[in-house]
Amino acid sequence: MDLIKNEIASILDSKDVLYKQLLDVDFVEKIFPSEANFLLVRVDDAAKRYQQLIEKGIVTRNRSSQPLCENTLRFTIGTTQENKRLIEALIDISK
């Protein structure tokens, strides 16, 4: 049980760090509250940002086709290194 609790705590900590870093990305318009292992984020142009991330080798989910989710991307909480790479890519494409 301790292993599971530690893993959950690690994911929650990583999600909190990612959330705070996403606030500094120019094209992020809203970050929705989440109890899951991902963050749903409204951006200026989800199709464009999705494609830019794919070109950088980062796979995310464009949820824009779902009702009430226009221009949203879903970022799964990864390892510290994966999250860092995601933020670096987002900041790079916001330039």
PDB file of N, CA and C in Angstrom:
ATOM      1  N   MET A   1       0.810  -1.204   0.000  1.00  0.00           N
ATOM      2  CA  MET A   1       0.000   0.000   0.000  1.00  0.00           C
ATOM      3  C   MET A   1       0.855   1.271   0.000  1.00  0.00           C
ATOM      4  N   ASP A   2       1.972   1.238   0.708  1.00  0.00           N
ATOM      5  CA  ASP A   2       2.829   2.419   0.749  1.00  0.00           C
ATOM      6  C   ASP A   2       3.346   2.779  -0.633  1.00  0.00           C
ATOM      7  N   LEU A   3       3.652   1.779  -1.430  1.00  0.00           N
ATOM      8  CA  LEU A   3       4.131   2.013  -2.793  1.00  0.00           C
ATOM      9  C   LEU A   3       3.078   2.767  -3.603  1.00  0.00           C
ATOM     10  N   ILE A   4       1.840   2.352  -3.488  1.00  0.00           N
ATOM     11  CA  ILE A   4       0.749   3.013  -4.215  1.00  0.00           C
ATOM     12  C   ILE A   4       0.562   4.438  -3.705  1.00  0.00           C
ATOM     13  N   LYS A   5       0.557   4.628  -2.395  1.00  0.00           N
ATOM     14  CA  LYS A   5       0.408   5.968  -1.823  1.00  0.00           C
ATOM     15  C   LYS A   5       1.542   6.884  -2.263  1.00  0.00           C
ATOM     16  N   ASN A   6       2.750   6.352  -2.308  1.00  0.00           N
ATOM     17  CA  ASN A   6       3.901   7.148  -2.751  1.00  0.00           C
ATOM     18  C   ASN A   6       3.770   7.531  -4.218  1.00  0.00           C
ATOM     19  N   GLU A   7       3.302   6.613  -5.044  1.00  0.00           N
ATOM     20  CA  GLU A   7       3.122   6.895  -6.469  1.00  0.00           C
ATOM     21  C   GLU A   7       2.053   7.968  -6.669  1.00  0.00           C
ATOM     22  N   ILE A   8       0.959   7.861  -5.939  1.00  0.00           N
ATOM     23  CA  ILE A   8      -0.108   8.866  -6.028  1.00  0.00           C
ATOM     24  C   ILE A   8       0.424  10.231  -5.600  1.00  0.00           C
ATOM     25  N   ALA A   9       1.153  10.270  -4.511  1.00  0.00           N
ATOM     26  CA  ALA A   9       1.727  11.538  -4.023  1.00  0.00           C
ATOM     27  C   ALA A   9       2.674  12.132  -5.062  1.00  0.00           C
ATOM     28  N   SER A  10       3.458  11.288  -5.696  1.00  0.00           N
ATOM     29  CA  SER A  10       4.397  11.751  -6.727  1.00  0.00           C
ATOM     30  C   SER A  10       3.649  12.357  -7.915  1.00  0.00           C
ATOM     31  N   ILE A  11       2.587  11.699  -8.352  1.00  0.00           N
ATOM     32  CA  ILE A  11       1.788  12.208  -9.475  1.00  0.00           C
ATOM     33  C   ILE A  11       1.144  13.532  -9.102  1.00  0.00           C
ATOM     34  N   LEU A  12       0.598  13.626  -7.905  1.00  0.00           N
ATOM     35  CA  LEU A  12      -0.032  14.875  -7.468  1.00  0.00           C
ATOM     36  C   LEU A  12       0.979  16.014  -7.389  1.00  0.00           C
ATOM     37  N   ASP A  13       2.167  15.728  -6.887  1.00  0.00           N
ATOM     38  CA  ASP A  13       3.218  16.744  -6.827  1.00  0.00           C
ATOM     39  C   ASP A  13       3.614  17.193  -8.231  1.00  0.00           C
ATOM     40  N   SER A  14       3.786  16.236  -9.125  1.00  0.00           N
ATOM     41  CA  SER A  14       4.169  16.556 -10.509  1.00  0.00           C
ATOM     42  C   SER A  14       3.077  17.359 -11.197  1.00  0.00           C
ATOM     43  N   LYS A  15       1.825  17.016 -10.923  1.00  0.00           N
ATOM     44  CA  LYS A  15       0.707  17.750 -11.528  1.00  0.00           C
ATOM     45  C   LYS A  15       0.703  19.196 -11.043  1.00  0.00           C
ATOM     46  N   ASP A  16       0.961  19.404  -9.775  1.00  0.00           N
ATOM     47  CA  ASP A  16       1.002  20.750  -9.215  1.00  0.00           C
ATOM     48  C   ASP A  16       2.112  21.581  -9.858  1.00  0.00           C
ATOM     49  N   VAL A  17       3.276  20.989 -10.014  1.00  0.00           N
ATOM     50  CA  VAL A  17       4.400  21.685 -10.650  1.00  0.00           C
ATOM     51  C   VAL A  17       4.055  22.024 -12.104  1.00  0.00           C
ATOM     52  N   LEU A  18       3.507  21.044 -12.833  1.00  0.00           N
ATOM     53  CA  LEU A  18       3.145  21.276 -14.235  1.00  0.00           C
ATOM     54  C   LEU A  18       2.092  22.375 -14.341  1.00  0.00           C
ATOM     55  N   TYR A  19       1.099  22.336 -13.478  1.00  0.00           N
ATOM     56  CA  TYR A  19       0.047  23.361 -13.463  1.00  0.00           C
ATOM     57  C   TYR A  19       0.663  24.760 -13.344  1.00  0.00           C
ATOM     58  N   LYS A  20       1.536  24.930 -12.371  1.00  0.00           N
ATOM     59  CA  LYS A  20       2.166  26.236 -12.145  1.00  0.00           C
ATOM     60  C   LYS A  20       2.999  26.678 -13.342  1.00  0.00           C
ATOM     61  N   GLN A  21       3.686  25.738 -13.986  1.00  0.00           N
ATOM     62  CA  GLN A  21       4.505  26.088 -15.151  1.00  0.00           C
ATOM     63  C   GLN A  21       3.637  26.446 -16.351  1.00  0.00           C
ATOM     64  N   LEU A  22       2.492  25.791 -16.491  1.00  0.00           N
ATOM     65  CA  LEU A  22       1.590  26.091 -17.603  1.00  0.00           C
ATOM     66  C   LEU A  22       1.057  27.519 -17.523  1.00  0.00           C
ATOM     67  N   LEU A  23       0.972  28.071 -16.332  1.00  0.00           N
ATOM     68  CA  LEU A  23       0.501  29.445 -16.164  1.00  0.00           C
ATOM     69  C   LEU A  23       1.409  30.450 -16.862  1.00  0.00           C
ATOM     70  N   ASP A  24       2.666  30.074 -17.106  1.00  0.00           N
ATOM     71  CA  ASP A  24       3.632  30.970 -17.754  1.00  0.00           C
ATOM     72  C   ASP A  24       3.669  30.833 -19.277  1.00  0.00           C
ATOM     73  N   VAL A  25       2.860  29.940 -19.839  1.00  0.00           N
ATOM     74  CA  VAL A  25       2.839  29.744 -21.287  1.00  0.00           C
ATOM     75  C   VAL A  25       1.822  30.721 -21.882  1.00  0.00           C
ATOM     76  N   ASP A  26       2.291  31.576 -22.781  1.00  0.00           N
ATOM     77  CA  ASP A  26       1.482  32.672 -23.324  1.00  0.00           C
ATOM     78  C   ASP A  26       0.138  32.241 -23.900  1.00  0.00           C
ATOM     79  N   PHE A  27       0.092  31.141 -24.616  1.00  0.00           N
ATOM     80  CA  PHE A  27      -1.139  30.771 -25.314  1.00  0.00           C
ATOM     81  C   PHE A  27      -2.088  29.900 -24.485  1.00  0.00           C
ATOM     82  N   VAL A  28      -1.730  29.611 -23.252  1.00  0.00           N
ATOM     83  CA  VAL A  28      -2.636  28.877 -22.361  1.00  0.00           C
ATOM     84  C   VAL A  28      -3.676  29.857 -21.833  1.00  0.00           C
ATOM     85  N   GLU A  29      -4.944  29.534 -22.077  1.00  0.00           N
ATOM     86  CA  GLU A  29      -6.033  30.420 -21.673  1.00  0.00           C
ATOM     87  C   GLU A  29      -6.705  29.972 -20.380  1.00  0.00           C
ATOM     88  N   LYS A  30      -6.768  28.666 -20.144  1.00  0.00           N
ATOM     89  CA  LYS A  30      -7.411  28.161 -18.935  1.00  0.00           C
ATOM     90  C   LYS A  30      -6.914  26.757 -18.642  1.00  0.00           C
ATOM     91  N   ILE A  31      -6.728  26.468 -17.373  1.00  0.00           N
ATOM     92  CA  ILE A  31      -6.390  25.124 -16.929  1.00  0.00           C
ATOM     93  C   ILE A  31      -7.548  24.661 -16.047  1.00  0.00           C
ATOM     94  N   PHE A  32      -8.190  23.597 -16.459  1.00  0.00           N
ATOM     95  CA  PHE A  32      -9.365  23.120 -15.736  1.00  0.00           C
ATOM     96  C   PHE A  32      -8.956  22.303 -14.510  1.00  0.00           C
ATOM     97  N   PRO A  33      -9.726  22.398 -13.429  1.00  0.00           N
ATOM     98  CA  PRO A  33      -9.446  21.581 -12.244  1.00  0.00           C
ATOM     99  C   PRO A  33      -9.475  20.094 -12.616  1.00  0.00           C
ATOM    100  N   SER A  34      -8.626  19.317 -11.967  1.00  0.00           N
ATOM    101  CA  SER A  34      -8.528  17.904 -12.309  1.00  0.00           C
ATOM    102  C   SER A  34      -8.234  17.060 -11.080  1.00  0.00           C
ATOM    103  N   GLU A  35      -8.946  15.971 -10.960  1.00  0.00           N
ATOM    104  CA  GLU A  35      -8.679  14.978  -9.918  1.00  0.00           C
ATOM    105  C   GLU A  35      -7.981  13.765 -10.526  1.00  0.00           C
ATOM    106  N   ALA A  36      -7.689  13.831 -11.803  1.00  0.00           N
ATOM    107  CA  ALA A  36      -7.109  12.702 -12.532  1.00  0.00           C
ATOM    108  C   ALA A  36      -5.606  12.905 -12.734  1.00  0.00           C
ATOM    109  N   ASN A  37      -4.994  12.010 -13.492  1.00  0.00           N
ATOM    110  CA  ASN A  37      -3.558  12.088 -13.769  1.00  0.00           C
ATOM    111  C   ASN A  37      -3.285  12.865 -15.059  1.00  0.00           C
ATOM    112  N   PHE A  38      -4.128  13.852 -15.334  1.00  0.00           N
ATOM    113  CA  PHE A  38      -3.920  14.704 -16.506  1.00  0.00           C
ATOM    114  C   PHE A  38      -4.494  16.083 -16.216  1.00  0.00           C
ATOM    115  N   LEU A  39      -4.097  17.038 -17.067  1.00  0.00           N
ATOM    116  CA  LEU A  39      -4.655  18.385 -17.016  1.00  0.00           C
ATOM    117  C   LEU A  39      -5.287  18.696 -18.367  1.00  0.00           C
ATOM    118  N   LEU A  40      -6.487  19.229 -18.339  1.00  0.00           N
ATOM    119  CA  LEU A  40      -7.168  19.695 -19.538  1.00  0.00           C
ATOM    120  C   LEU A  40      -6.928  21.188 -19.627  1.00  0.00           C
ATOM    121  N   VAL A  41      -6.387  21.622 -20.768  1.00  0.00           N
ATOM    122  CA  VAL A  41      -5.927  23.003 -20.901  1.00  0.00           C
ATOM    123  C   VAL A  41      -6.531  23.631 -22.158  1.00  0.00           C
ATOM    124  N   ARG A  42      -7.191  24.783 -21.978  1.00  0.00           N
ATOM    125  CA  ARG A  42      -7.692  25.526 -23.137  1.00  0.00           C
ATOM    126  C   ARG A  42      -6.568  26.414 -23.646  1.00  0.00           C
ATOM    127  N   VAL A  43      -6.341  26.340 -24.959  1.00  0.00           N
ATOM    128  CA  VAL A  43      -5.289  27.127 -25.605  1.00  0.00           C
ATOM    129  C   VAL A  43      -5.894  27.975 -26.713  1.00  0.00           C
ATOM    130  N   ASP A  44      -5.082  28.820 -27.305  1.00  0.00           N
ATOM    131  CA  ASP A  44      -5.573  29.709 -28.355  1.00  0.00           C
ATOM    132  C   ASP A  44      -5.999  28.963 -29.614  1.00  0.00           C
ATOM    133  N   ASP A  45      -5.260  27.927 -30.002  1.00  0.00           N
ATOM    134  CA  ASP A  45      -5.540  27.167 -31.224  1.00  0.00           C
ATOM    135  C   ASP A  45      -5.035  25.739 -31.016  1.00  0.00           C
ATOM    136  N   ALA A  46      -5.926  24.864 -30.588  1.00  0.00           N
ATOM    137  CA  ALA A  46      -5.521  23.502 -30.217  1.00  0.00           C
ATOM    138  C   ALA A  46      -4.928  22.722 -31.386  1.00  0.00           C
ATOM    139  N   ALA A  47      -5.505  22.859 -32.582  1.00  0.00           N
ATOM    140  CA  ALA A  47      -4.990  22.107 -33.733  1.00  0.00           C
ATOM    141  C   ALA A  47      -3.555  22.524 -34.050  1.00  0.00           C
ATOM    142  N   LYS A  48      -3.311  23.822 -34.028  1.00  0.00           N
ATOM    143  CA  LYS A  48      -1.971  24.345 -34.302  1.00  0.00           C
ATOM    144  C   LYS A  48      -0.978  23.890 -33.227  1.00  0.00           C
ATOM    145  N   ARG A  49      -1.348  24.038 -31.972  1.00  0.00           N
ATOM    146  CA  ARG A  49      -0.444  23.672 -30.874  1.00  0.00           C
ATOM    147  C   ARG A  49      -0.209  22.168 -30.828  1.00  0.00           C
ATOM    148  N   TYR A  50      -1.238  21.392 -31.114  1.00  0.00           N
ATOM    149  CA  TYR A  50      -1.096  19.937 -31.172  1.00  0.00           C
ATOM    150  C   TYR A  50      -0.053  19.560 -32.226  1.00  0.00           C
ATOM    151  N   GLN A  51      -0.169  20.145 -33.413  1.00  0.00           N
ATOM    152  CA  GLN A  51       0.754  19.847 -34.505  1.00  0.00           C
ATOM    153  C   GLN A  51       2.177  20.281 -34.153  1.00  0.00           C
ATOM    154  N   GLN A  52       2.326  21.432 -33.543  1.00  0.00           N
ATOM    155  CA  GLN A  52       3.652  21.899 -33.147  1.00  0.00           C
ATOM    156  C   GLN A  52       4.292  20.943 -32.136  1.00  0.00           C
ATOM    157  N   LEU A  53       3.500  20.434 -31.209  1.00  0.00           N
ATOM    158  CA  LEU A  53       4.033  19.486 -30.224  1.00  0.00           C
ATOM    159  C   LEU A  53       4.408  18.163 -30.885  1.00  0.00           C
ATOM    160  N   ILE A  54       3.580  17.696 -31.813  1.00  0.00           N
ATOM    161  CA  ILE A  54       3.892  16.459 -32.546  1.00  0.00           C
ATOM    162  C   ILE A  54       5.224  16.610 -33.271  1.00  0.00           C
ATOM    163  N   GLU A  55       5.438  17.768 -33.887  1.00  0.00           N
ATOM    164  CA  GLU A  55       6.687  18.017 -34.608  1.00  0.00           C
ATOM    165  C   GLU A  55       7.896  17.991 -33.676  1.00  0.00           C
ATOM    166  N   LYS A  56       7.673  18.232 -32.394  1.00  0.00           N
ATOM    167  CA  LYS A  56       8.743  18.169 -31.400  1.00  0.00           C
ATOM    168  C   LYS A  56       8.806  16.796 -30.722  1.00  0.00           C
ATOM    169  N   GLY A  57       8.007  15.850 -31.212  1.00  0.00           N
ATOM    170  CA  GLY A  57       8.035  14.499 -30.668  1.00  0.00           C
ATOM    171  C   GLY A  57       7.237  14.320 -29.391  1.00  0.00           C
ATOM    172  N   ILE A  58       6.332  15.247 -29.120  1.00  0.00           N
ATOM    173  CA  ILE A  58       5.513  15.161 -27.911  1.00  0.00           C
ATOM    174  C   ILE A  58       4.075  14.853 -28.310  1.00  0.00           C
ATOM    175  N   VAL A  59       3.579  13.749 -27.778  1.00  0.00           N
ATOM    176  CA  VAL A  59       2.223  13.317 -28.090  1.00  0.00           C
ATOM    177  C   VAL A  59       1.304  13.730 -26.947  1.00  0.00           C
ATOM    178  N   THR A  60       0.247  14.410 -27.303  1.00  0.00           N
ATOM    179  CA  THR A  60      -0.775  14.817 -26.348  1.00  0.00           C
ATOM    180  C   THR A  60      -2.122  14.479 -26.969  1.00  0.00           C
ATOM    181  N   ARG A  61      -3.186  14.893 -26.382  1.00  0.00           N
ATOM    182  CA  ARG A  61      -4.510  14.643 -26.954  1.00  0.00           C
ATOM    183  C   ARG A  61      -5.217  15.969 -27.212  1.00  0.00           C
ATOM    184  N   ASN A  62      -5.684  16.125 -28.445  1.00  0.00           N
ATOM    185  CA  ASN A  62      -6.511  17.270 -28.796  1.00  0.00           C
ATOM    186  C   ASN A  62      -7.952  16.854 -28.515  1.00  0.00           C
ATOM    187  N   ARG A  63      -8.571  17.466 -27.526  1.00  0.00           N
ATOM    188  CA  ARG A  63      -9.926  17.093 -27.109  1.00  0.00           C
ATOM    189  C   ARG A  63     -10.984  18.018 -27.705  1.00  0.00           C
ATOM    190  N   SER A  64     -10.617  18.814 -28.687  1.00  0.00           N
ATOM    191  CA  SER A  64     -11.512  19.826 -29.249  1.00  0.00           C
ATOM    192  C   SER A  64     -12.798  19.277 -29.834  1.00  0.00           C
ATOM    193  N   SER A  65     -12.800  18.025 -30.241  1.00  0.00           N
ATOM    194  CA  SER A  65     -14.009  17.451 -30.839  1.00  0.00           C
ATOM    195  C   SER A  65     -15.048  17.037 -29.786  1.00  0.00           C
ATOM    196  N   GLN A  66     -14.668  17.073 -28.528  1.00  0.00           N
ATOM    197  CA  GLN A  66     -15.593  16.716 -27.452  1.00  0.00           C
ATOM    198  C   GLN A  66     -16.455  17.919 -27.078  1.00  0.00           C
ATOM    199  N   PRO A  67     -17.725  17.687 -26.752  1.00  0.00           N
ATOM    200  CA  PRO A  67     -18.596  18.812 -26.365  1.00  0.00           C
ATOM    201  C   PRO A  67     -17.992  19.625 -25.220  1.00  0.00           C
ATOM    202  N   LEU A  68     -18.053  20.931 -25.348  1.00  0.00           N
ATOM    203  CA  LEU A  68     -17.561  21.904 -24.369  1.00  0.00           C
ATOM    204  C   LEU A  68     -16.044  21.905 -24.191  1.00  0.00           C
ATOM    205  N   CYS A  69     -15.346  21.249 -25.094  1.00  0.00           N
ATOM    206  CA  CYS A  69     -13.878  21.162 -24.982  1.00  0.00           C
ATOM    207  C   CYS A  69     -13.169  21.811 -26.166  1.00  0.00           C
ATOM    208  N   GLU A  70     -13.789  22.794 -26.785  1.00  0.00           N
ATOM    209  CA  GLU A  70     -13.174  23.451 -27.931  1.00  0.00           C
ATOM    210  C   GLU A  70     -11.812  24.025 -27.545  1.00  0.00           C
ATOM    211  N   ASN A  71     -10.852  23.834 -28.432  1.00  0.00           N
ATOM    212  CA  ASN A  71      -9.492  24.349 -28.236  1.00  0.00           C
ATOM    213  C   ASN A  71      -8.858  23.880 -26.931  1.00  0.00           C
ATOM    214  N   THR A  72      -9.015  22.592 -26.633  1.00  0.00           N
ATOM    215  CA  THR A  72      -8.374  22.042 -25.440  1.00  0.00           C
ATOM    216  C   THR A  72      -7.416  20.918 -25.799  1.00  0.00           C
ATOM    217  N   LEU A  73      -6.360  20.859 -25.034  1.00  0.00           N
ATOM    218  CA  LEU A  73      -5.389  19.773 -25.110  1.00  0.00           C
ATOM    219  C   LEU A  73      -5.353  19.097 -23.753  1.00  0.00           C
ATOM    220  N   ARG A  74      -5.148  17.780 -23.771  1.00  0.00           N
ATOM    221  CA  ARG A  74      -5.048  17.046 -22.518  1.00  0.00           C
ATOM    222  C   ARG A  74      -3.612  16.589 -22.334  1.00  0.00           C
ATOM    223  N   PHE A  75      -3.009  17.020 -21.243  1.00  0.00           N
ATOM    224  CA  PHE A  75      -1.632  16.654 -20.938  1.00  0.00           C
ATOM    225  C   PHE A  75      -1.625  15.646 -19.802  1.00  0.00           C
ATOM    226  N   THR A  76      -1.172  14.442 -20.090  1.00  0.00           N
ATOM    227  CA  THR A  76      -1.034  13.424 -19.058  1.00  0.00           C
ATOM    228  C   THR A  76       0.189  13.747 -18.211  1.00  0.00           C
ATOM    229  N   ILE A  77       0.072  13.559 -16.912  1.00  0.00           N
ATOM    230  CA  ILE A  77       1.190  13.809 -16.012  1.00  0.00           C
ATOM    231  C   ILE A  77       2.206  12.689 -16.205  1.00  0.00           C
ATOM    232  N   GLY A  78       3.406  13.069 -16.601  1.00  0.00           N
ATOM    233  CA  GLY A  78       4.461  12.093 -16.849  1.00  0.00           C
ATOM    234  C   GLY A  78       5.511  12.128 -15.753  1.00  0.00           C
ATOM    235  N   THR A  79       6.661  11.633 -16.104  1.00  0.00           N
ATOM    236  CA  THR A  79       7.790  11.706 -15.181  1.00  0.00           C
ATOM    237  C   THR A  79       8.265  13.155 -15.100  1.00  0.00           C
ATOM    238  N   THR A  80       9.103  13.442 -14.145  1.00  0.00           N
ATOM    239  CA  THR A  80       9.646  14.791 -14.012  1.00  0.00           C
ATOM    240  C   THR A  80      10.322  15.207 -15.317  1.00  0.00           C
ATOM    241  N   GLN A  81      11.086  14.310 -15.910  1.00  0.00           N
ATOM    242  CA  GLN A  81      11.792  14.613 -17.161  1.00  0.00           C
ATOM    243  C   GLN A  81      10.803  14.846 -18.312  1.00  0.00           C
ATOM    244  N   GLU A  82       9.768  14.018 -18.403  1.00  0.00           N
ATOM    245  CA  GLU A  82       8.768  14.194 -19.464  1.00  0.00           C
ATOM    246  C   GLU A  82       8.027  15.519 -19.312  1.00  0.00           C
ATOM    247  N   ASN A  83       7.665  15.852 -18.090  1.00  0.00           N
ATOM    248  CA  ASN A  83       6.971  17.121 -17.847  1.00  0.00           C
ATOM    249  C   ASN A  83       7.862  18.310 -18.183  1.00  0.00           C
ATOM    250  N   LYS A  84       9.143  18.209 -17.839  1.00  0.00           N
ATOM    251  CA  LYS A  84      10.100  19.270 -18.157  1.00  0.00           C
ATOM    252  C   LYS A  84      10.211  19.441 -19.671  1.00  0.00           C
ATOM    253  N   ARG A  85      10.279  18.341 -20.378  1.00  0.00           N
ATOM    254  CA  ARG A  85      10.368  18.395 -21.845  1.00  0.00           C
ATOM    255  C   ARG A  85       9.112  19.030 -22.446  1.00  0.00           C
ATOM    256  N   LEU A  86       7.950  18.698 -21.897  1.00  0.00           N
ATOM    257  CA  LEU A  86       6.694  19.293 -22.357  1.00  0.00           C
ATOM    258  C   LEU A  86       6.713  20.803 -22.163  1.00  0.00           C
ATOM    259  N   ILE A  87       7.065  21.256 -20.982  1.00  0.00           N
ATOM    260  CA  ILE A  87       7.092  22.696 -20.705  1.00  0.00           C
ATOM    261  C   ILE A  87       8.099  23.403 -21.605  1.00  0.00           C
ATOM    262  N   GLU A  88       9.281  22.817 -21.777  1.00  0.00           N
ATOM    263  CA  GLU A  88      10.279  23.423 -22.658  1.00  0.00           C
ATOM    264  C   GLU A  88       9.729  23.562 -24.072  1.00  0.00           C
ATOM    265  N   ALA A  89       9.032  22.544 -24.560  1.00  0.00           N
ATOM    266  CA  ALA A  89       8.458  22.597 -25.904  1.00  0.00           C
ATOM    267  C   ALA A  89       7.364  23.659 -25.988  1.00  0.00           C
ATOM    268  N   LEU A  90       6.521  23.733 -24.980  1.00  0.00           N
ATOM    269  CA  LEU A  90       5.443  24.725 -24.982  1.00  0.00           C
ATOM    270  C   LEU A  90       6.002  26.147 -24.973  1.00  0.00           C
ATOM    271  N   ILE A  91       7.013  26.367 -24.176  1.00  0.00           N
ATOM    272  CA  ILE A  91       7.627  27.702 -24.115  1.00  0.00           C
ATOM    273  C   ILE A  91       8.305  28.025 -25.450  1.00  0.00           C
ATOM    274  N   ASP A  92       8.957  27.030 -26.029  1.00  0.00           N
ATOM    275  CA  ASP A  92       9.619  27.238 -27.318  1.00  0.00           C
ATOM    276  C   ASP A  92       8.628  27.603 -28.417  1.00  0.00           C
ATOM    277  N   ILE A  93       7.498  26.920 -28.479  1.00  0.00           N
ATOM    278  CA  ILE A  93       6.533  27.223 -29.551  1.00  0.00           C
ATOM    279  C   ILE A  93       5.730  28.493 -29.277  1.00  0.00           C
ATOM    280  N   SER A  94       5.814  28.999 -28.055  1.00  0.00           N
ATOM    281  CA  SER A  94       5.102  30.252 -27.758  1.00  0.00           C
ATOM    282  C   SER A  94       5.916  31.472 -28.177  1.00  0.00           C
ATOM    283  N   LYS A  95       7.160  31.254 -28.584  1.00  0.00           N
ATOM    284  CA  LYS A  95       8.017  32.385 -28.998  1.00  0.00           C
ATOM    285  C   LYS A  95       7.642  32.880 -30.371  1.00  0.00           C
TER     286      LYS A  95
END
